[in-house]
C-alpha cells in the first residue's frame, strides 16, 4: 500500500488487473456508486485509454456536457491518471503483460440512511481475515525515470457518441486483415487439415467450444454428406467457425493452442452419448467486417471453409453487431485424454481443390487471387472485385499475372491480384 498511498493519500480500495493477452482491457463504463468521484490509476505496460469528460469538474454534479466527445489517447508505461470516475472511460488496445492499479476512495456519505461509508468503516473494524495475500510488488514497481508528473496528453482519436467509439474499438486491437490475406490463411489451414500433425500428449486449453448447429444450406445442395457443424470437422474439410463473440475471450483460447469442440445431441458424436469431442488447433481469429462480408470472393471462400451456404454469411451473420471468424485445424476425436485420428472412410471422401486461375473447378478459380485472368480464360463467369483503402487510382500495367487498364479513383479493383500488387507497390497495409 506504500505505492498506492503515495499516488492517492485518501485511497481506500485498490483493484489490480493483468492483461495476459493483448486486446480490450475493459469497454466504456462508469465506476460503481460506492466510489467517490475522484479515482486514480497507475498504468504499467502500454495501453490506449478512452475518456468522455461529460462532467467537466472533479466534483459531484448531475450536470453533464452533452456535446462531450469520446477521446482516446496512448498511456505509456508508468503513467498515473487522475480522473472523474463517474465519466465514461475505457482501457483499450492493452498490450500483453500490462498491469493496471486502480485506486478509489469510498464516498463520504456518513449520516445518510444506509450509508456506504459507514458500512465500509464497520467492515474495517470487523478484522476479517484477508481473502488473498500479495507477497511481493517487485513486478509492479514504477521506475524513477518512468514517472513524470504533469505530462501532456495528446488525443489520438475522438468520437461523437458511444456507438461510434465502440464500433471502432476492434479496429485498434490488431491490424485488419485484407480479404486476400484471409483467403490465403484459409487456404493454408485447409492444406494442413488434410494431414494433421497429432501431438502424443496434448495439452488442452480453454473451455470447449460448442458446435451444436446444423449446416445451414438455405435450400442449396449439401457440400458434404453430414448435416452438423461438428461432424463436418471430422474429415470433411470444415476449418472455420463464425460467431458474434470473441472466441479468445469467451473460451480462453489463442492461436496455436489445442482446444476442444463439442457437439449437441443431434451430432453423431454428441457429448453425453459417449463423451466424445473433437480436438482442433486454434488458428487466426479476425473480425469479419461488413466490407468483407460483401466481397464475393470472400463469400465463396467462407462457404467452402464453413460448409454452410454463403447466404448464411450474407443474410444471417451480417445482421449481428460484430462478427468474428476463427480458423480451426481439426486434429481428431478426443478420447480419454488422447487425440484419435478420424475414421479413414471420411478422409477418403474428402476432396482437394486446385486453387488457381487455371483451375477447372469454379470454386478453385474463385479462391485464387487472379480472378480477372480466370474469367478471361473462361473459368469464371462473374467478376470478383475488391475494394481497399478508398480504391486509389491505379495506372495501366501488369499486376502479378494480370494486365489491367487504368483504374480511376474510387472504382473497385478488378481482382484480388490487381489490388494486392497495386497496394503492395504503394507500401500501404
Protein backbone atom coordinates (compact mmCIF):
# COMPACT_ATOMS: atom_id res chain seq x y z
CA UNK A 1 0.00 0.00 0.00
CA UNK A 2 3.00 2.37 0.22
CA UNK A 3 2.94 2.88 -3.54
CA UNK A 4 -0.84 3.34 -3.53
CA UNK A 5 -0.79 5.90 -0.70
CA UNK A 6 1.98 7.79 -2.47
CA UNK A 7 -0.25 8.10 -5.53
CA UNK A 8 -3.54 8.67 -3.67
CA UNK A 9 -3.26 9.50 0.07
CA UNK A 10 -7.05 9.12 0.54
CA UNK A 11 -7.09 5.61 -1.01
CA UNK A 12 -9.46 3.02 0.49
CA UNK A 13 -9.82 0.37 -2.22
CA UNK A 14 -7.42 -0.95 -4.83
CA UNK A 15 -8.10 -3.22 -7.81
CA UNK A 16 -5.11 -4.74 -9.62
CA UNK A 17 -5.76 -6.16 -13.11
CA UNK A 18 -3.44 -8.02 -15.50
CA UNK A 19 -3.76 -8.46 -19.27
CA UNK A 20 -2.36 -11.85 -20.21
CA UNK A 21 -3.37 -11.38 -23.86
CA UNK A 22 -3.41 -8.20 -25.95
CA UNK A 23 -6.78 -6.58 -26.61
CA UNK A 24 -9.54 -4.64 -24.90
CA UNK A 25 -8.99 -4.34 -21.15
CA UNK A 26 -12.48 -3.01 -20.36
CA UNK A 27 -15.05 -1.23 -22.51
CA UNK A 28 -16.61 2.17 -21.75
CA UNK A 29 -18.23 2.28 -18.30
CA UNK A 30 -18.72 4.41 -15.19
CA UNK A 31 -17.44 3.21 -11.81
CA UNK A 32 -19.81 1.98 -9.13
CA UNK A 33 -21.71 4.35 -6.84
CA UNK A 34 -19.73 3.31 -3.73
CA UNK A 35 -16.68 5.18 -5.06
CA UNK A 36 -16.01 8.89 -4.62
CA UNK A 37 -15.94 10.84 -7.88
CA UNK A 38 -12.14 11.07 -7.99
CA UNK A 39 -10.16 7.96 -8.97
CA UNK A 40 -6.53 7.43 -9.84
CA UNK A 41 -4.91 4.73 -11.94
CA UNK A 42 -1.34 3.51 -12.42
CA UNK A 43 -0.63 2.08 -15.88
CA UNK A 44 2.27 -0.39 -16.11
CA UNK A 45 2.66 -1.53 -19.68
CA UNK A 46 1.38 0.27 -22.74
CA UNK A 47 -2.31 0.82 -23.37
CA UNK A 48 -4.77 3.15 -25.04
CA UNK A 49 -7.29 4.92 -22.83
CA UNK A 50 -10.69 6.38 -23.66
CA UNK A 51 -12.45 9.12 -21.70
CA UNK A 52 -15.55 11.29 -22.13
CA UNK A 53 -15.37 14.40 -19.92
CA UNK A 54 -19.13 14.97 -19.67
CA UNK A 55 -18.71 16.01 -16.00
CA UNK A 56 -16.14 18.72 -16.51
CA UNK A 57 -15.04 19.26 -12.90
CA UNK A 58 -13.63 16.98 -10.20
CA UNK A 59 -16.78 17.37 -8.11
CA UNK A 60 -20.08 15.52 -7.79
CA UNK A 61 -22.68 17.01 -10.10
CA UNK A 62 -25.65 15.85 -12.11
CA UNK A 63 -24.88 18.36 -14.83
CA UNK A 64 -23.17 16.99 -17.93
CA UNK A 65 -21.86 18.43 -21.16
CA UNK A 66 -23.96 16.51 -23.67
CA UNK A 67 -21.65 17.59 -26.51
CA UNK A 68 -18.58 15.99 -24.88
CA UNK A 69 -16.80 13.60 -27.25
CA UNK A 70 -15.18 10.22 -26.59
CA UNK A 71 -11.45 10.89 -26.73
CA UNK A 72 -8.81 8.18 -26.96
CA UNK A 73 -5.08 8.52 -26.36
CA UNK A 74 -1.99 6.47 -25.54
CA UNK A 75 -0.93 5.71 -21.97
CA UNK A 76 2.78 4.99 -21.73
CA UNK A 77 4.03 2.58 -19.08
CA UNK A 78 4.32 4.40 -15.75
CA UNK A 79 1.57 6.93 -16.45
CA UNK A 80 -0.59 7.89 -13.47
CA UNK A 81 -4.00 9.35 -14.30
CA UNK A 82 -6.41 11.31 -12.11
CA UNK A 83 -9.98 11.39 -13.42
CA UNK A 84 -13.66 11.66 -12.53
CA UNK A 85 -14.73 8.01 -12.46
CA UNK A 86 -18.40 8.99 -12.96
CA UNK A 87 -17.44 9.85 -16.53
CA UNK A 88 -17.36 7.05 -19.07
CA UNK A 89 -13.86 5.62 -19.53
CA UNK A 90 -12.22 2.55 -21.07
CA UNK A 91 -8.88 0.74 -21.33
CA UNK A 92 -8.42 -0.37 -24.96
CA UNK A 93 -5.71 -1.96 -27.06
CA UNK A 94 -3.83 -3.15 -23.98
CA UNK A 95 -0.55 -4.92 -24.66
CA UNK A 96 0.16 -8.41 -23.29
CA UNK A 97 1.64 -8.27 -19.79
CA UNK A 98 0.05 -4.93 -18.92
CA UNK A 99 -0.86 -4.20 -15.27
CA UNK A 100 -3.36 -1.62 -14.08
CA UNK A 101 -3.63 -0.47 -10.46
CA UNK A 102 -6.98 1.26 -9.96
CA UNK A 103 -7.43 3.27 -6.78
CA UNK A 104 -10.60 4.66 -5.19
CA UNK A 105 -11.74 6.39 -2.05
CA UNK A 106 -15.11 5.26 -0.67
CA UNK A 107 -17.51 8.19 -0.88
CA UNK A 108 -18.19 10.08 2.33
CA UNK A 109 -21.95 9.83 2.92
CA UNK A 110 -21.83 9.47 6.72
CA UNK A 111 -25.07 10.48 8.37
CA UNK A 112 -27.20 9.33 5.44
CA UNK A 113 -29.54 6.38 5.68
CA UNK A 114 -27.88 3.12 4.59
CA UNK A 115 -24.53 4.91 4.41
CA UNK A 116 -21.92 3.16 2.24
CA UNK A 117 -19.10 4.86 4.14
CA UNK A 118 -20.48 3.59 7.44
CA UNK A 119 -20.67 0.04 6.07
CA UNK A 120 -17.06 0.32 4.95
CA UNK A 121 -15.93 1.62 8.36
CA UNK A 122 -17.79 -1.27 10.04
CA UNK A 123 -16.04 -3.72 7.72
CA UNK A 124 -12.62 -2.32 8.63
CA UNK A 125 -13.14 -2.79 12.37
CA UNK A 126 -14.53 -6.32 11.92
CA UNK A 127 -10.96 -7.67 11.50
CA UNK A 128 -11.95 -10.22 8.88
CA UNK A 129 -9.06 -12.38 7.62
CA UNK A 130 -7.62 -11.45 4.20
CA UNK A 131 -9.00 -13.37 1.23
CA UNK A 132 -5.79 -13.00 -0.80
CA UNK A 133 -2.21 -12.06 0.00
CA UNK A 134 0.30 -10.45 -2.36
CA UNK A 135 3.81 -11.38 -1.24
CA UNK A 136 5.79 -9.03 -3.47
CA UNK A 137 5.27 -5.94 -5.57
CA UNK A 138 8.54 -6.18 -7.49
CA UNK A 139 6.71 -6.57 -10.80
CA UNK A 140 4.58 -3.52 -10.05
CA UNK A 141 7.35 -1.09 -9.12
CA UNK A 142 7.44 2.10 -11.17
CA UNK A 143 10.98 3.06 -12.15
CA UNK A 144 12.07 6.57 -11.22
CA UNK A 145 12.58 7.57 -14.85
CA UNK A 146 9.09 6.37 -15.82
CA UNK A 147 7.13 8.72 -13.58
CA UNK A 148 7.00 12.28 -14.92
CA UNK A 149 4.29 14.32 -13.14
CA UNK A 150 2.38 16.89 -15.14
CA UNK A 151 2.85 15.24 -18.53
CA UNK A 152 0.81 16.32 -21.55
CA UNK A 153 -1.86 14.04 -23.03
CA UNK A 154 -2.27 14.09 -26.80
CA UNK A 155 -5.68 12.94 -28.07
CA UNK A 156 -5.31 10.39 -30.91
CA UNK A 157 -8.98 9.75 -31.76
CA UNK A 158 -12.28 11.44 -31.00
CA UNK A 159 -15.82 10.10 -31.47
CA UNK A 160 -19.14 11.90 -31.24
CA UNK A 161 -21.01 9.08 -29.48
CA UNK A 162 -20.55 5.73 -27.75
CA UNK A 163 -21.78 3.69 -30.72
CA UNK A 164 -19.09 5.25 -32.90
CA UNK A 165 -16.40 4.67 -30.29
CA UNK A 166 -17.25 1.01 -29.63
CA UNK A 167 -17.65 0.29 -33.36
CA UNK A 168 -14.07 1.44 -33.88
CA UNK A 169 -12.58 -0.26 -30.80
CA UNK A 170 -11.92 -3.56 -32.56
CA UNK A 171 -10.04 -1.85 -35.36
CA UNK A 172 -7.39 -0.82 -32.84
CA UNK A 173 -6.91 -4.34 -31.42
CA UNK A 174 -4.94 -5.54 -34.37
CA UNK A 175 -4.34 -4.68 -37.98
CA UNK A 176 -7.41 -5.60 -40.03
CA UNK A 177 -6.65 -8.39 -42.48
CA UNK A 178 -7.39 -7.84 -46.15
CA UNK A 179 -9.65 -10.29 -47.98
CA UNK A 180 -6.71 -11.76 -49.89
CA UNK A 181 -4.79 -12.27 -46.64
CA UNK A 182 -7.79 -14.01 -45.04
CA UNK A 183 -8.23 -16.27 -48.06
CA UNK A 184 -4.52 -17.11 -48.01
CA UNK A 185 -4.73 -18.12 -44.33
CA UNK A 186 -7.81 -20.22 -45.10
CA UNK A 187 -6.05 -21.99 -47.97
CA UNK A 188 -3.05 -22.80 -45.76
CA UNK A 189 -5.31 -24.08 -42.98
CA UNK A 190 -7.21 -26.29 -45.43
CA UNK A 191 -3.96 -27.87 -46.61
CA UNK A 192 -2.72 -28.54 -43.05
CA UNK A 193 -6.07 -30.03 -42.04
CA UNK A 194 -5.71 -32.67 -44.76
CA UNK A 195 -2.65 -34.08 -42.98
CA UNK A 196 -2.98 -33.08 -39.28
CA UNK A 197 0.03 -33.36 -37.00
CA UNK A 198 -1.36 -35.02 -33.87
CA UNK A 199 0.63 -34.49 -30.64
CA UNK A 200 1.27 -37.54 -28.46
CA UNK A 201 0.40 -35.88 -25.14
CA UNK A 202 -1.81 -32.88 -25.95
CA UNK A 203 -2.39 -30.00 -23.56
CA UNK A 204 -5.97 -28.79 -23.91
CA UNK A 205 -6.56 -25.06 -23.47
CA UNK A 206 -9.65 -23.07 -22.53
CA UNK A 207 -13.27 -24.11 -22.41
CA UNK A 208 -14.83 -26.42 -25.03
CA UNK A 209 -16.33 -24.53 -27.96
CA UNK A 210 -19.93 -25.68 -28.58
CA UNK A 211 -20.50 -26.95 -32.14
CA UNK A 212 -24.20 -27.77 -31.83
CA UNK A 213 -25.56 -26.29 -35.03
CA UNK A 214 -26.89 -27.82 -38.20
CA UNK A 215 -25.34 -26.85 -41.52
CA UNK A 216 -27.47 -24.04 -42.91
CA UNK A 217 -27.92 -24.60 -46.63
CA UNK A 218 -30.75 -22.15 -47.42
CA UNK A 219 -32.22 -24.57 -49.95
CA UNK A 220 -28.92 -25.27 -51.73
CA UNK A 221 -27.44 -28.77 -52.26
CA UNK A 222 -25.24 -30.01 -49.38
CA UNK A 223 -21.48 -29.73 -49.78
CA UNK A 224 -20.74 -32.74 -47.52
CA UNK A 225 -22.64 -35.95 -46.59
CA UNK A 226 -23.18 -34.83 -42.95
CA UNK A 227 -25.54 -32.21 -41.52
CA UNK A 228 -23.95 -30.74 -38.38
CA UNK A 229 -21.07 -28.35 -37.88
CA UNK A 230 -19.05 -30.69 -35.68
CA UNK A 231 -19.44 -33.68 -37.99
CA UNK A 232 -18.26 -31.52 -40.89
CA UNK A 233 -15.00 -31.06 -38.93
CA UNK A 234 -14.42 -34.83 -38.84
CA UNK A 235 -12.63 -35.28 -42.14
CA UNK A 236 -14.94 -33.22 -44.33
CA UNK A 237 -12.87 -30.06 -44.52
CA UNK A 238 -14.65 -27.66 -42.15
CA UNK A 239 -11.86 -25.35 -40.97
CA UNK A 240 -13.68 -22.16 -39.96
CA UNK A 241 -16.33 -21.06 -37.49
CA UNK A 242 -18.22 -17.75 -37.25
CA UNK A 243 -19.93 -16.14 -34.26
CA UNK A 244 -20.91 -12.84 -32.72
CA UNK A 245 -18.49 -13.39 -29.81
CA UNK A 246 -14.75 -13.03 -29.37
CA UNK A 247 -13.54 -16.65 -29.22
CA UNK A 248 -10.34 -15.77 -27.39
CA UNK A 249 -12.17 -14.02 -24.58
CA UNK A 250 -15.24 -16.26 -24.40
CA UNK A 251 -13.43 -19.59 -24.47
CA UNK A 252 -9.97 -18.63 -23.20
CA UNK A 253 -8.08 -19.83 -26.28
CA UNK A 254 -5.43 -18.27 -28.52
CA UNK A 255 -3.74 -19.03 -31.82
CA UNK A 256 -1.59 -22.16 -31.62
CA UNK A 257 -3.49 -23.71 -28.69
CA UNK A 258 -5.18 -27.09 -28.89
CA UNK A 259 -8.84 -26.75 -27.92
CA UNK A 260 -11.97 -28.88 -27.98
CA UNK A 261 -15.21 -28.60 -29.92
CA UNK A 262 -18.22 -30.41 -28.53
CA UNK A 263 -21.39 -31.34 -30.30
CA UNK A 264 -25.05 -31.42 -29.38
CA UNK A 265 -27.48 -34.29 -29.24
CA UNK A 266 -28.10 -34.22 -32.98
CA UNK A 267 -24.43 -34.84 -33.68
CA UNK A 268 -23.12 -38.30 -34.42
CA UNK A 269 -20.62 -37.81 -31.59
CA UNK A 270 -22.84 -35.96 -29.14
CA UNK A 271 -21.41 -35.14 -25.75
CA UNK A 272 -23.46 -37.05 -23.23
CA UNK A 273 -23.73 -40.07 -25.51
CA UNK A 274 -20.13 -41.29 -25.33
CA UNK A 275 -18.49 -38.11 -24.03
CA UNK A 276 -16.75 -37.69 -27.40
CA UNK A 277 -15.27 -34.39 -28.57
CA UNK A 278 -13.18 -33.10 -31.47
CA UNK A 279 -9.72 -31.62 -30.83
CA UNK A 280 -8.52 -28.80 -33.06
CA UNK A 281 -5.54 -26.48 -33.30
CA UNK A 282 -6.67 -22.87 -32.88
CA UNK A 283 -5.92 -20.69 -35.89
CA UNK A 284 -6.19 -16.99 -36.66
CA UNK A 285 -9.12 -15.02 -35.24
CA UNK A 286 -10.25 -11.87 -37.04
CA UNK A 287 -13.23 -9.54 -37.23
CA UNK A 288 -15.42 -10.06 -40.29
CA UNK A 289 -16.28 -6.51 -41.29
CA UNK A 290 -19.35 -5.52 -43.35
CA UNK A 291 -16.97 -4.78 -46.24
CA UNK A 292 -15.52 -8.29 -46.01
CA UNK A 293 -18.99 -9.83 -45.98
CA UNK A 294 -19.89 -8.02 -49.20
CA UNK A 295 -16.82 -9.32 -51.04
CA UNK A 296 -17.87 -12.11 -53.48
CA UNK A 297 -14.52 -13.93 -53.30
CA UNK A 298 -14.72 -14.00 -49.51
CA UNK A 299 -18.30 -15.26 -49.62
CA UNK A 300 -17.33 -18.26 -51.73
CA UNK A 301 -14.24 -18.99 -49.66
CA UNK A 302 -16.23 -18.70 -46.42
CA UNK A 303 -18.85 -21.16 -47.68
CA UNK A 304 -16.13 -23.64 -48.61
CA UNK A 305 -14.50 -23.37 -45.17
CA UNK A 306 -17.77 -23.49 -43.22
CA UNK A 307 -19.83 -25.90 -45.39
CA UNK A 308 -22.79 -23.52 -44.99
CA UNK A 309 -24.45 -21.69 -47.84
CA UNK A 310 -22.90 -18.24 -48.43
CA UNK A 311 -26.37 -16.87 -47.63
CA UNK A 312 -25.74 -17.84 -44.01
CA UNK A 313 -22.98 -15.22 -44.06
CA UNK A 314 -24.74 -12.50 -46.05
CA UNK A 315 -28.24 -12.90 -44.56
CA UNK A 316 -27.73 -14.21 -41.00
CA UNK A 317 -24.25 -13.33 -39.74
CA UNK A 318 -24.36 -9.90 -41.41
CA UNK A 319 -27.19 -8.83 -39.07
CA UNK A 320 -25.02 -9.11 -35.94
CA UNK A 321 -23.33 -6.06 -34.39
CA UNK A 322 -19.92 -7.71 -34.57
CA UNK A 323 -18.88 -10.91 -36.28
CA UNK A 324 -15.70 -12.88 -35.59
CA UNK A 325 -14.16 -15.62 -37.70
CA UNK A 326 -11.87 -18.31 -36.33
CA UNK A 327 -9.80 -20.74 -38.37
CA UNK A 328 -9.53 -24.26 -36.97
CA UNK A 329 -7.34 -27.22 -37.86
CA UNK A 330 -9.30 -30.33 -36.81
CA UNK A 331 -6.91 -32.98 -35.46
CA UNK A 332 -9.08 -35.91 -34.40
CA UNK A 333 -11.59 -37.22 -31.88
CA UNK A 334 -10.59 -36.53 -28.27
CA UNK A 335 -10.92 -39.78 -26.27
CA UNK A 336 -9.56 -40.45 -22.76
CA UNK A 337 -7.00 -37.64 -22.95
CA UNK A 338 -5.71 -38.68 -26.38
CA UNK A 339 -6.38 -37.42 -29.91
CA UNK A 340 -7.53 -40.27 -32.14
CA UNK A 341 -7.47 -39.85 -35.97
CA UNK A 342 -10.85 -39.51 -37.64
CA UNK A 343 -12.24 -42.67 -39.32
CA UNK A 344 -10.42 -43.25 -42.61
CA UNK A 345 -13.64 -43.59 -44.59
CA UNK A 346 -14.27 -39.90 -44.05
CA UNK A 347 -10.77 -38.97 -45.16
CA UNK A 348 -11.31 -40.90 -48.37
CA UNK A 349 -14.42 -38.85 -49.20
CA UNK A 350 -12.67 -35.53 -48.68
CA UNK A 351 -11.71 -33.82 -51.95
CA UNK A 352 -8.97 -31.33 -52.70
CA UNK A 353 -9.39 -28.23 -54.83
CA UNK A 354 -6.83 -26.78 -57.20
CA UNK A 355 -6.78 -23.11 -56.17
CA UNK A 356 -5.52 -21.41 -59.33
CA UNK A 357 -6.85 -19.19 -62.12
CA UNK A 358 -6.30 -22.27 -64.35
CA UNK A 359 -8.45 -24.49 -62.12
CA UNK A 360 -11.22 -26.42 -63.85
CA UNK A 361 -13.17 -26.22 -60.60
CA UNK A 362 -15.09 -22.91 -60.45
CA UNK A 363 -14.55 -22.63 -56.69
CA UNK A 364 -10.81 -23.17 -57.07
CA UNK A 365 -10.66 -20.39 -59.67
CA UNK A 366 -12.76 -18.05 -57.47
CA UNK A 367 -10.50 -18.64 -54.46
CA UNK A 368 -7.40 -17.66 -56.44
CA UNK A 369 -6.24 -14.05 -56.40
CA UNK A 370 -6.19 -13.71 -60.20
CA UNK A 371 -9.94 -13.95 -60.79
CA UNK A 372 -9.85 -11.48 -63.69
CA UNK A 373 -7.43 -13.79 -65.51
CA UNK A 374 -9.62 -16.79 -64.68
CA UNK A 375 -12.61 -15.01 -66.21
CA UNK A 376 -10.63 -14.18 -69.36
CA UNK A 377 -9.80 -17.87 -69.67
CA UNK A 378 -13.45 -18.82 -69.32
CA UNK A 379 -13.01 -20.48 -65.92
CA UNK A 380 -15.34 -17.96 -64.21
CA UNK A 381 -18.46 -16.14 -65.33
CA UNK A 382 -18.67 -13.48 -62.63
CA UNK A 383 -16.38 -10.63 -61.55
CA UNK A 384 -14.79 -10.78 -58.08
CA UNK A 385 -13.85 -7.19 -57.43
CA UNK A 386 -12.00 -5.99 -54.32
CA UNK A 387 -12.25 -2.63 -52.53
CA UNK A 388 -9.49 -1.45 -50.17
CA UNK A 389 -8.07 1.85 -48.86
CA UNK A 390 -10.64 4.00 -50.71
CA UNK A 391 -9.63 2.48 -54.08
CA UNK A 392 -6.94 4.94 -55.25
CA UNK A 393 -6.17 5.43 -58.95
CA UNK A 394 -4.10 2.59 -60.48
CA UNK A 395 -2.07 3.07 -63.64
CA UNK A 396 -2.25 0.86 -66.68
CA UNK A 397 0.15 -2.04 -66.45
CA UNK A 398 0.92 -5.53 -65.26
CA UNK A 399 -0.10 -6.56 -61.74
CA UNK A 400 1.19 -10.01 -60.87
CA UNK A 401 -0.06 -12.38 -63.56
CA UNK A 402 -2.73 -9.96 -64.80
CA UNK A 403 -2.64 -6.88 -67.06
CA UNK A 404 -5.12 -4.05 -66.41
CA UNK A 405 -6.12 -0.74 -67.97
CA UNK A 406 -6.13 2.49 -65.95
CA UNK A 407 -8.38 2.22 -62.89
CA UNK A 408 -9.96 5.55 -61.87
CA UNK A 409 -10.03 6.62 -58.24
CA UNK A 410 -13.00 5.23 -56.32
CA UNK A 411 -13.52 2.26 -58.66
CA UNK A 412 -13.00 -1.21 -57.18
CA UNK A 413 -10.02 -3.31 -58.24
CA UNK A 414 -10.81 -5.97 -60.86
CA UNK A 415 -9.44 -8.79 -58.69
CA UNK A 416 -7.54 -9.59 -55.52
CA UNK A 417 -4.41 -9.95 -57.69
CA UNK A 418 -4.91 -6.42 -59.03
CA UNK A 419 -5.50 -4.98 -55.54
CA UNK A 420 -2.67 -6.84 -53.84
CA UNK A 421 0.08 -5.90 -56.26
CA UNK A 422 -1.02 -2.26 -56.56
CA UNK A 423 -1.33 -1.79 -52.78
CA UNK A 424 1.96 -3.61 -52.29
CA UNK A 425 3.62 -1.15 -54.65
CA UNK A 426 2.22 1.77 -52.63
CA UNK A 427 3.63 0.25 -49.38
CA UNK A 428 0.24 0.62 -47.69
CA UNK A 429 -1.02 -2.04 -45.31
